Protein backbone atom coordinates (compact mmCIF):
# COMPACT_ATOMS: atom_id res chain seq x y z
CA UNK A 1 0.00 0.00 0.00
CA UNK A 2 2.80 2.38 0.86
CA UNK A 3 4.56 1.48 -2.37
CA UNK A 4 1.37 2.24 -4.32
CA UNK A 5 1.03 5.65 -2.70
CA UNK A 6 4.69 6.45 -3.53
CA UNK A 7 4.09 5.57 -7.19
CA UNK A 8 0.97 7.72 -7.35
CA UNK A 9 2.89 10.61 -5.78
CA UNK A 10 5.61 10.35 -8.42
CA UNK A 11 2.97 10.49 -11.17
CA UNK A 12 1.42 13.69 -9.80
CA UNK A 13 2.58 16.73 -11.80
CA UNK A 14 4.68 19.07 -9.67
CA UNK A 15 5.90 22.62 -10.34
CA UNK A 16 8.03 22.69 -13.46
CA UNK A 17 11.57 24.05 -13.07
CA UNK A 18 10.90 26.00 -16.29
CA UNK A 19 7.81 27.72 -14.92
CA UNK A 20 7.10 31.06 -16.60
CA UNK A 21 7.16 32.85 -13.28
CA UNK A 22 10.68 31.64 -12.61
CA UNK A 23 11.88 32.64 -16.07
CA UNK A 24 10.65 36.23 -15.82
CA UNK A 25 13.99 37.48 -14.51
CA UNK A 26 15.85 35.93 -17.43
CA UNK A 27 13.92 37.84 -20.12
CA UNK A 28 14.66 41.42 -21.24
CA UNK A 29 12.23 44.19 -20.29
CA UNK A 30 9.00 44.09 -22.31
CA UNK A 31 9.26 40.36 -23.10
CA UNK A 32 6.77 38.07 -21.35
CA UNK A 33 7.63 34.50 -20.44
CA UNK A 34 4.37 33.05 -21.65
CA UNK A 35 3.36 30.41 -24.07
CA UNK A 36 0.90 32.57 -25.95
CA UNK A 37 2.90 32.31 -29.15
CA UNK A 38 2.91 36.09 -29.74
CA UNK A 39 6.01 37.27 -31.60
CA UNK A 40 6.44 40.36 -29.36
CA UNK A 41 8.27 42.31 -32.09
CA UNK A 42 7.59 45.60 -30.32
CA UNK A 43 10.06 44.57 -27.58
CA UNK A 44 13.07 44.38 -29.93
CA UNK A 45 14.28 47.90 -29.10
CA UNK A 46 14.10 47.31 -25.36
CA UNK A 47 15.74 43.91 -25.74
CA UNK A 48 18.68 45.34 -27.70
CA UNK A 49 19.13 48.09 -25.14
CA UNK A 50 19.07 45.52 -22.34
CA UNK A 51 21.72 43.41 -24.10
CA UNK A 52 23.92 46.41 -24.83
CA UNK A 53 23.74 47.58 -21.23
CA UNK A 54 24.62 44.12 -19.94
CA UNK A 55 27.57 43.84 -22.31
CA UNK A 56 28.66 47.39 -21.52
CA UNK A 57 28.86 46.69 -17.79
CA UNK A 58 30.88 43.53 -18.42
CA UNK A 59 33.17 45.20 -20.95
CA UNK A 60 33.90 48.15 -18.67
CA UNK A 61 34.69 45.87 -15.75
CA UNK A 62 37.05 43.77 -17.87
CA UNK A 63 38.69 46.76 -19.57
CA UNK A 64 37.64 45.83 -23.13
CA UNK A 65 35.54 48.91 -23.89
CA UNK A 66 36.60 52.51 -24.32
CA UNK A 67 36.28 54.23 -20.95
CA UNK A 68 36.09 57.79 -22.30
CA UNK A 69 38.63 60.58 -21.97
CA UNK A 70 37.05 62.28 -18.91
CA UNK A 71 37.11 59.02 -16.95
CA UNK A 72 40.64 58.20 -18.13
CA UNK A 73 41.72 61.69 -17.05
CA UNK A 74 40.31 61.07 -13.58
CA UNK A 75 42.16 57.74 -13.35
CA UNK A 76 45.41 59.59 -14.08
CA UNK A 77 45.18 60.96 -10.53
CA UNK A 78 45.54 57.51 -9.00
CA UNK A 79 49.10 56.71 -7.96
CA UNK A 80 49.14 53.20 -9.43
CA UNK A 81 48.29 54.36 -12.97
CA UNK A 82 50.50 57.44 -12.81
CA UNK A 83 53.54 55.49 -11.64
CA UNK A 84 53.23 53.00 -14.51
CA UNK A 85 52.87 55.71 -17.16
CA UNK A 86 55.57 57.96 -15.67
CA UNK A 87 58.17 55.19 -15.56
CA UNK A 88 57.67 54.26 -19.22
CA UNK A 89 57.60 57.87 -20.46
CA UNK A 90 60.65 58.86 -18.41
CA UNK A 91 62.72 55.88 -19.52
CA UNK A 92 61.84 56.51 -23.18
CA UNK A 93 63.37 60.00 -23.02
CA UNK A 94 66.02 59.54 -20.33
CA UNK A 95 68.94 59.08 -22.75
CA UNK A 96 67.06 60.54 -25.77
CA UNK A 97 68.59 60.48 -29.29
CA UNK A 98 71.96 61.10 -30.95
CA UNK A 99 72.14 62.88 -34.30
CA UNK A 100 74.36 60.88 -36.63
CA UNK A 101 75.90 61.39 -40.07
CA UNK A 102 77.59 59.18 -42.63
CA UNK A 103 79.77 59.77 -45.61
CA UNK A 104 83.15 61.46 -46.04
CA UNK A 105 81.97 65.07 -45.61
CA UNK A 106 82.28 66.72 -42.21
CA UNK A 107 78.77 67.30 -40.76
CA UNK A 108 79.83 68.57 -37.34
CA UNK A 109 78.41 72.07 -37.79
CA UNK A 110 75.08 70.84 -39.13
CA UNK A 111 74.73 68.28 -36.36
CA UNK A 112 75.40 71.00 -33.78
CA UNK A 113 72.77 73.25 -35.42
CA UNK A 114 70.17 70.44 -35.35
CA UNK A 115 70.92 69.65 -31.70
CA UNK A 116 70.54 73.33 -30.77
CA UNK A 117 67.24 73.53 -32.65
CA UNK A 118 65.86 70.45 -30.88
CA UNK A 119 66.95 71.96 -27.57
CA UNK A 120 65.25 75.24 -28.41
CA UNK A 121 62.05 73.41 -29.38
CA UNK A 122 62.16 71.38 -26.12
CA UNK A 123 61.66 68.29 -28.25
CA UNK A 124 62.74 65.94 -25.46
CA UNK A 125 60.16 67.27 -22.96
CA UNK A 126 57.44 67.44 -25.62
CA UNK A 127 57.98 63.81 -26.64
CA UNK A 128 58.01 62.71 -23.00
CA UNK A 129 54.63 64.43 -22.53
CA UNK A 130 53.34 62.73 -25.68
CA UNK A 131 54.35 59.35 -24.23
CA UNK A 132 52.45 60.20 -21.04
CA UNK A 133 49.31 61.11 -22.98
CA UNK A 134 49.60 57.86 -24.94
CA UNK A 135 49.79 55.93 -21.67
CA UNK A 136 46.87 57.74 -20.06
CA UNK A 137 44.54 58.08 -23.08
CA UNK A 138 45.79 55.76 -25.84
CA UNK A 139 46.36 58.68 -28.24
CA UNK A 140 48.51 61.83 -28.18
CA UNK A 141 49.31 64.71 -30.53
CA UNK A 142 52.10 67.24 -31.05
CA UNK A 143 51.12 70.28 -33.07
CA UNK A 144 53.88 71.52 -35.43
CA UNK A 145 53.63 75.31 -35.38
CA UNK A 146 54.94 77.11 -38.48
CA UNK A 147 55.20 80.74 -39.43
CA UNK A 148 51.99 81.95 -41.03
CA UNK A 149 49.80 79.10 -39.83
CA UNK A 150 47.52 81.59 -38.03
CA UNK A 151 46.16 82.75 -41.40
CA UNK A 152 42.52 81.83 -41.98
CA UNK A 153 42.14 78.24 -43.29
CA UNK A 154 45.94 77.81 -43.48
CA UNK A 155 45.94 74.97 -40.94
CA UNK A 156 43.61 72.97 -43.17
CA UNK A 157 46.36 72.57 -45.78
CA UNK A 158 49.02 69.87 -45.76
CA UNK A 159 52.65 70.52 -44.80
CA UNK A 160 53.91 67.18 -46.14
CA UNK A 161 55.98 64.54 -44.42
CA UNK A 162 59.03 66.72 -43.81
CA UNK A 163 60.93 65.52 -46.89
CA UNK A 164 58.60 65.82 -49.89
CA UNK A 165 57.86 68.72 -52.25
CA UNK A 166 54.95 69.90 -50.10
CA UNK A 167 57.22 70.30 -47.10
CA UNK A 168 59.80 72.17 -49.19
CA UNK A 169 57.11 74.64 -50.23
CA UNK A 170 55.67 75.11 -46.74
CA UNK A 171 58.75 75.26 -44.49
CA UNK A 172 61.40 77.85 -45.27
CA UNK A 173 64.46 79.08 -43.39
CA UNK A 174 63.38 79.82 -39.83
CA UNK A 175 59.87 78.59 -40.55
CA UNK A 176 59.60 76.12 -37.65
CA UNK A 177 58.22 78.03 -34.65
CA UNK A 178 57.51 75.43 -31.97
CA UNK A 179 55.96 72.18 -30.79
CA UNK A 180 52.79 72.04 -28.69
CA UNK A 181 51.33 69.06 -26.83
CA UNK A 182 47.55 68.69 -27.23
CA UNK A 183 45.54 66.21 -25.16
CA UNK A 184 43.20 64.00 -27.21
CA UNK A 185 40.17 65.26 -25.28
CA UNK A 186 40.34 68.48 -27.31
CA UNK A 187 40.81 66.74 -30.68
CA UNK A 188 38.17 64.76 -32.57
CA UNK A 189 38.42 62.99 -35.92
CA UNK A 190 36.65 64.69 -38.80
CA UNK A 191 34.09 62.08 -39.98
CA UNK A 192 34.35 63.37 -43.55
CA UNK A 193 38.11 63.13 -43.69
CA UNK A 194 38.70 59.38 -43.72
CA UNK A 195 37.85 56.40 -45.88
CA UNK A 196 35.55 53.65 -44.59
CA UNK A 197 34.72 51.90 -47.87
CA UNK A 198 38.00 50.71 -49.38
CA UNK A 199 40.28 48.63 -47.14
CA UNK A 200 42.92 48.58 -49.90
CA UNK A 201 43.45 52.36 -49.74
CA UNK A 202 46.18 53.81 -47.51
CA UNK A 203 43.70 56.19 -45.82
CA UNK A 204 41.34 53.42 -44.68
CA UNK A 205 40.16 54.44 -41.18
CA UNK A 206 42.92 57.06 -41.03
CA UNK A 207 41.62 60.62 -40.51
CA UNK A 208 43.01 63.16 -42.95
CA UNK A 209 41.80 66.06 -40.80
CA UNK A 210 41.30 66.59 -37.09
CA UNK A 211 38.86 68.94 -35.42
CA UNK A 212 40.60 70.88 -32.65
CA UNK A 213 37.71 72.42 -30.69
CA UNK A 214 35.89 73.01 -33.98
CA UNK A 215 38.89 74.20 -36.02
CA UNK A 216 39.87 71.90 -38.87
CA UNK A 217 43.58 71.01 -38.82
CA UNK A 218 45.27 68.84 -41.44
CA UNK A 219 46.63 65.57 -40.09
CA UNK A 220 50.15 66.36 -41.32
CA UNK A 221 50.35 69.30 -38.87
CA UNK A 222 49.77 66.97 -35.92
CA UNK A 223 52.34 64.34 -35.00
CA UNK A 224 50.02 61.57 -33.81
CA UNK A 225 51.16 58.83 -31.43
CA UNK A 226 49.14 55.62 -30.97
CA UNK A 227 51.21 53.00 -29.22
CA UNK A 228 48.58 50.26 -28.98
CA UNK A 229 46.18 50.48 -31.97
CA UNK A 230 42.84 48.69 -31.88
CA UNK A 231 41.25 46.79 -34.81
CA UNK A 232 39.64 48.92 -37.50
CA UNK A 233 36.12 48.02 -36.45
CA UNK A 234 36.77 49.50 -32.98
CA UNK A 235 38.58 52.67 -34.06
CA UNK A 236 35.48 54.90 -34.24
CA UNK A 237 34.38 53.82 -30.75
CA UNK A 238 37.89 54.61 -29.45
CA UNK A 239 37.80 58.11 -31.02
CA UNK A 240 40.40 56.85 -33.55
CA UNK A 241 42.86 56.32 -30.75
CA UNK A 242 44.26 53.17 -29.23
CA UNK A 243 44.25 51.19 -26.04
CA UNK A 244 45.66 53.12 -23.11
CA UNK A 245 47.97 51.57 -20.54
CA UNK A 246 45.54 52.82 -17.91
CA UNK A 247 42.71 50.79 -19.41
CA UNK A 248 44.89 47.69 -19.75
CA UNK A 249 46.01 47.86 -16.12
CA UNK A 250 42.62 48.78 -14.66
CA UNK A 251 41.38 45.23 -13.84
CA UNK A 252 44.70 44.47 -12.10
CA UNK A 253 44.75 47.77 -10.23
CA UNK A 254 41.14 47.20 -9.13
CA UNK A 255 42.11 43.75 -7.87
CA UNK A 256 45.04 45.23 -5.95
CA UNK A 257 42.88 47.96 -4.40
CA UNK A 258 40.26 45.42 -3.33
CA UNK A 259 42.92 43.18 -1.80
CA UNK A 260 44.54 46.12 -0.03
CA UNK A 261 41.24 47.21 1.50
CA UNK A 262 40.38 43.65 2.51
CA UNK A 263 43.72 43.17 4.23
CA UNK A 264 43.35 46.51 5.99
CA UNK A 265 39.86 45.63 7.19
CA UNK A 266 41.02 42.22 8.37
CA UNK A 267 43.91 43.71 10.32
CA UNK A 268 41.58 46.23 11.92
CA UNK A 269 39.26 43.49 13.15
CA UNK A 270 41.33 40.33 13.15
CA UNK A 271 40.16 39.46 16.69
CA UNK A 272 36.52 38.94 17.67
CA UNK A 273 35.80 39.15 21.39
CA UNK A 274 32.64 38.42 23.32
CA UNK A 275 31.07 37.14 26.49
CA UNK A 276 29.26 33.87 26.76
CA UNK A 277 26.09 33.37 28.82
CA UNK A 278 25.13 37.02 28.96
CA UNK A 279 21.47 37.32 30.01
CA UNK A 280 20.04 38.99 26.91
CA UNK A 281 16.54 37.63 27.49
CA UNK A 282 16.14 39.25 30.91
CA UNK A 283 17.61 42.51 29.64
CA UNK A 284 15.15 42.65 26.78
CA UNK A 285 12.21 41.64 28.98
CA UNK A 286 13.01 44.17 31.71
CA UNK A 287 13.80 47.00 29.33
CA UNK A 288 17.48 47.12 30.34
CA UNK A 289 18.83 47.05 26.78
CA UNK A 290 20.36 50.49 27.13
CA UNK A 291 22.33 49.42 30.18
CA UNK A 292 23.56 46.38 28.25
CA UNK A 293 24.72 48.51 25.33
CA UNK A 294 26.38 50.97 27.71
CA UNK A 295 28.31 48.11 29.25
CA UNK A 296 29.51 46.93 25.83
CA UNK A 297 30.43 50.46 24.74
CA UNK A 298 32.45 51.09 27.92
CA UNK A 299 34.41 47.91 27.33
CA UNK A 300 35.15 48.79 23.68
CA UNK A 301 36.27 52.31 24.58
CA UNK A 302 38.58 51.21 27.40
CA UNK A 303 39.91 48.06 25.77
CA UNK A 304 43.71 47.76 25.65
CA UNK A 305 46.44 45.59 27.10
CA UNK A 306 45.95 47.15 30.54
CA UNK A 307 42.16 46.99 30.46
CA UNK A 308 39.99 45.07 32.87
CA UNK A 309 36.56 43.59 32.32
CA UNK A 310 34.24 42.59 35.14
CA UNK A 311 31.93 39.65 34.44
CA UNK A 312 28.81 38.49 36.21
CA UNK A 313 28.36 35.05 37.79
CA UNK A 314 28.40 32.52 34.97
CA UNK A 315 29.61 34.84 32.19
CA UNK A 316 32.71 33.75 30.31
CA UNK A 317 34.96 35.93 28.15
CA UNK A 318 36.34 34.59 24.83
CA UNK A 319 38.51 35.88 21.96
CA UNK A 320 38.82 34.39 18.47
CA UNK A 321 41.78 35.70 16.43
CA UNK A 322 42.35 35.28 12.70
CA UNK A 323 45.90 34.18 11.71
CA UNK A 324 47.70 36.92 9.77
CA UNK A 325 50.81 35.03 8.73
CA UNK A 326 50.18 34.92 4.97
CA UNK A 327 48.48 38.27 4.40
CA UNK A 328 51.72 39.95 3.30
CA UNK A 329 52.24 37.36 0.55
CA UNK A 330 48.68 37.63 -0.71
CA UNK A 331 48.90 41.41 -0.80
CA UNK A 332 52.32 41.34 -2.51
CA UNK A 333 51.05 38.96 -5.20
CA UNK A 334 48.09 41.22 -5.96
CA UNK A 335 50.44 44.20 -6.23
CA UNK A 336 52.99 42.41 -8.39
CA UNK A 337 50.31 41.47 -10.93
CA UNK A 338 50.26 45.12 -12.05
CA UNK A 339 53.88 44.80 -13.18
CA UNK A 340 53.01 41.86 -15.44
CA UNK A 341 50.90 44.13 -17.68
CA UNK A 342 53.28 47.05 -18.11
CA UNK A 343 56.46 44.93 -18.19
CA UNK A 344 58.25 47.14 -15.66
CA UNK A 345 60.64 45.36 -13.24
CA UNK A 346 59.47 45.34 -9.63
CA UNK A 347 62.55 47.24 -8.50
CA UNK A 348 61.60 50.16 -10.76
CA UNK A 349 57.84 50.06 -10.31
CA UNK A 350 57.51 49.17 -6.63
CA UNK A 351 61.03 49.45 -5.25
CA UNK A 352 61.01 45.75 -4.34
CA UNK A 353 64.52 44.31 -4.29
CA UNK A 354 65.04 40.63 -5.23
CA UNK A 355 65.57 38.40 -2.21
CA UNK A 356 67.75 35.36 -1.83
CA UNK A 357 71.39 34.40 -2.24
CA UNK A 358 73.06 36.11 -5.25
CA UNK A 359 69.69 37.56 -6.25
CA UNK A 360 69.90 40.25 -8.92
CA UNK A 361 67.46 42.16 -11.09
CA UNK A 362 69.99 42.94 -13.86
CA UNK A 363 68.38 40.46 -16.24
CA UNK A 364 64.91 41.93 -15.75
CA UNK A 365 66.22 45.47 -16.23
CA UNK A 366 68.01 44.48 -19.46
CA UNK A 367 64.80 42.94 -20.81
CA UNK A 368 62.90 46.09 -19.82
CA UNK A 369 65.44 48.30 -21.61
CA UNK A 370 65.10 46.15 -24.73
CA UNK A 371 61.33 46.67 -24.57
CA UNK A 372 61.77 50.44 -24.14
CA UNK A 373 64.13 50.59 -27.13
CA UNK A 374 61.67 48.66 -29.31
CA UNK A 375 58.83 50.91 -28.13
CA UNK A 376 60.91 54.00 -28.97
CA UNK A 377 61.35 52.73 -32.51
CA UNK A 378 57.64 52.03 -32.84
CA UNK A 379 56.19 55.14 -31.16
CA UNK A 380 58.80 57.86 -31.64
CA UNK A 381 60.82 56.99 -34.75
CA UNK A 382 58.26 57.95 -37.48
CA UNK A 383 57.46 61.28 -35.81
CA UNK A 384 61.14 62.03 -35.14
CA UNK A 385 62.05 61.37 -38.78
CA UNK A 386 59.34 63.79 -39.86
CA UNK A 387 60.39 66.38 -37.27
CA UNK A 388 64.04 66.07 -38.30
CA UNK A 389 63.05 66.94 -41.87
CA UNK A 390 61.19 70.06 -40.69
CA UNK A 391 64.20 71.07 -38.56
CA UNK A 392 66.65 70.73 -41.46
CA UNK A 393 64.35 72.75 -43.75
CA UNK A 394 64.09 75.43 -41.09
CA UNK A 395 67.84 75.49 -40.37
CA UNK A 396 69.42 74.84 -43.81
CA UNK A 397 66.60 75.24 -46.32
CA UNK A 398 67.22 71.72 -47.63
CA UNK A 399 67.15 68.07 -46.61
CA UNK A 400 70.51 66.44 -45.91
CA UNK A 401 69.94 62.73 -46.49
CA UNK A 402 73.31 61.93 -44.90
CA UNK A 403 72.03 62.99 -41.46
CA UNK A 404 69.87 60.77 -39.28
CA UNK A 405 69.39 59.79 -35.66
CA UNK A 406 69.57 56.80 -33.36
CA UNK A 407 68.32 56.21 -29.85
CA UNK A 408 70.88 56.19 -27.09
CA UNK A 409 71.19 52.84 -25.29
CA UNK A 410 69.68 52.82 -21.82
CA UNK A 411 71.97 50.16 -20.36
CA UNK A 412 75.19 51.62 -18.94
CA UNK A 413 78.29 49.58 -18.05
CA UNK A 414 79.76 49.68 -14.56
CA UNK A 415 83.24 51.05 -13.93
CA UNK A 416 84.67 47.54 -13.78
CA UNK A 417 83.00 46.57 -17.06
CA UNK A 418 84.17 49.74 -18.79
CA UNK A 419 87.76 49.15 -17.64
CA UNK A 420 87.66 45.54 -18.84
CA UNK A 421 86.33 46.54 -22.28
CA UNK A 422 88.94 49.31 -22.57
CA UNK A 423 91.75 46.89 -21.73
CA UNK A 424 90.66 44.28 -24.27
CA UNK A 425 90.14 46.82 -27.06
CA UNK A 426 93.48 48.49 -26.37
CA UNK A 427 95.23 45.12 -26.47
CA UNK A 428 93.60 44.36 -29.83
CA UNK A 429 94.73 47.71 -31.26
CA UNK A 430 98.28 47.37 -29.93
CA UNK A 431 98.55 43.85 -31.32
CA UNK A 432 97.82 45.18 -34.81
CA UNK A 433 99.91 48.34 -34.33
CA UNK A 434 102.76 47.06 -36.50
CA UNK A 435 100.42 46.83 -39.51
CA UNK A 436 98.61 50.15 -38.87
CA UNK A 437 99.61 53.74 -39.40
CA UNK A 438 100.07 55.80 -36.20
CA UNK A 439 97.13 58.04 -37.13
CA UNK A 440 94.86 55.00 -37.53
CA UNK A 441 95.90 53.73 -34.11
CA UNK A 442 94.99 57.08 -32.53
CA UNK A 443 91.61 57.13 -34.26
CA UNK A 444 90.81 53.63 -33.01
CA UNK A 445 91.79 54.57 -29.48
CA UNK A 446 89.73 57.76 -29.54
CA UNK A 447 86.62 55.91 -30.71
CA UNK A 448 86.90 53.83 -27.55
CA UNK A 449 86.44 56.92 -25.37
CA UNK A 450 82.65 57.06 -25.63
CA UNK A 451 81.80 53.56 -24.34
CA UNK A 452 84.82 53.16 -22.04
CA UNK A 453 85.66 56.67 -20.84
CA UNK A 454 89.40 56.38 -21.66
CA UNK A 455 91.55 57.90 -24.43
CA UNK A 456 89.17 60.85 -24.65
CA UNK A 457 92.02 63.39 -24.63
CA UNK A 458 93.27 62.44 -28.12
CA UNK A 459 92.65 65.52 -30.28
CA UNK A 460 92.47 66.12 -34.02
CA UNK A 461 95.86 67.86 -33.82
CA UNK A 462 97.41 64.68 -32.40
CA UNK A 463 96.03 62.69 -35.31
CA UNK A 464 97.26 65.28 -37.84
CA UNK A 465 100.76 65.18 -36.36
CA UNK A 466 100.73 61.38 -36.56
CA UNK A 467 99.75 61.57 -40.22
CA UNK A 468 102.68 63.92 -40.92
CA UNK A 469 105.20 61.37 -39.68
CA UNK A 470 107.02 59.73 -42.64
CA UNK A 471 106.19 56.04 -42.93
CA UNK A 472 108.98 53.58 -42.33
CA UNK A 473 110.53 52.02 -45.50
CA UNK A 474 109.13 48.67 -46.37
CA UNK A 475 111.53 45.75 -46.17
CA UNK A 476 111.63 42.55 -48.19
CA UNK A 477 111.20 39.65 -45.78
CA UNK A 478 113.01 37.28 -48.22
CA UNK A 479 116.14 39.45 -48.56
CA UNK A 480 119.32 38.30 -46.79
CA UNK A 481 120.40 40.35 -43.81
CA UNK A 482 123.43 42.58 -44.80
CA UNK A 483 126.77 41.99 -43.13
CA UNK A 484 128.08 44.68 -40.78
CA UNK A 485 130.71 47.09 -42.12
CA UNK A 486 134.37 46.10 -41.53
CA UNK A 487 136.14 48.40 -39.07
CA UNK A 488 139.28 50.24 -40.32
CA UNK A 489 141.55 49.19 -37.43
CA UNK A 490 141.05 45.45 -37.91
CA UNK A 491 144.25 43.90 -39.45
CA UNK A 492 143.99 41.98 -42.67
CA UNK A 493 144.81 38.32 -42.29
CA UNK A 494 147.46 36.85 -44.62
CA UNK A 495 145.14 34.30 -46.05
CA UNK A 496 142.72 37.01 -46.97
CA UNK A 497 145.55 39.06 -48.55
CA UNK A 498 146.56 36.20 -50.85
């Protein structure tokens, strides 16, 4: 009989797990979870908005949607983001560039004029600021100011790439006035000035004009820096910029901030204290709750290592403490995750020295310097080549193709390493001294002065004097060695006389 009742109970229909009332929360606004069979087409707009809002919240939390320049500007005030961006921008301009020349002609005067012009334009500081804007916002601009560009509609015309015929016609002697950093918040892409229909064209999703607070400025007048470009389909939503370092690091910084607050809260209340067998029921029944709370408040206010707590008859005091032994490791791991995104060694980003026997961060720093050098070539090199052309047109009125630039290496040898390199190079030169002219030896030694710091006192006059020395006569290695001359006072032997 009991078995029969159990079988009948199993056959009775119960509430379905897919009941329409339970599914209501899963449907977008305006869509009913009913089986009426109505298409509900009028809810499409609300449904799309609901989906977009849900995706937007997820994308913002995960850092895969453009956060907007005002919000990115506010994040620049947080120490974690600022430190990351400042370290990269500072290292990229710490050693800066060296103007170089090739060929047989002496370019010393022209190189000095270019270096003075770059110093006058504050090019180093301007490029450092551009790297900061790229880190904070994902896009940065340097406006190239020329003489006469304040004429109406003049800024809408092209000034070329610094080396073409357009640049020769726009930039004359003394025509380069200055360089101005402009934050991307003030610059918007002109929607008419770029191509969105032909992916094979060079201007596909590349604005030809920018709107600077309503004024149209040709793209050639703005040196644009985008270190981390996004795919073409996302460029309009990113204001034709790229992915900022701030946005990339945001999920990791948020995780660090949450961990830091949690550890702080846990330390503040790592011990929970109480009293067992307190008579709450009588206190509530007799209306003595206020006296009970006063007793608790007095204890909390006076609690320290010298405090005393009086307990009633059967009351028992207890304390439960949370172990804090591993909190430092958990907090350090959350903080170190930020360095994994920006690629900055912990000793530079956080000041954390490597621990352990023979521990050293030299390898990490070398890898970081290699990354900075590659990033310089990618972010700075095209704009610097263009700027160098404008500088030469402004200084000389022509382009000297034998003049270029290269980035200074960031890694510097120690005194011991410099001395060791100097010794080995000097030994190599001295070994080949017999086959080299004295002037060549002096030139080789003087070239060692820059990396090693020795032989820097060799002057051009010393080399010229060495060149004036007559070369030694060449000797035939197969010729027999001549006999010494016979002295006059040596007597002639009889056998020799016969």
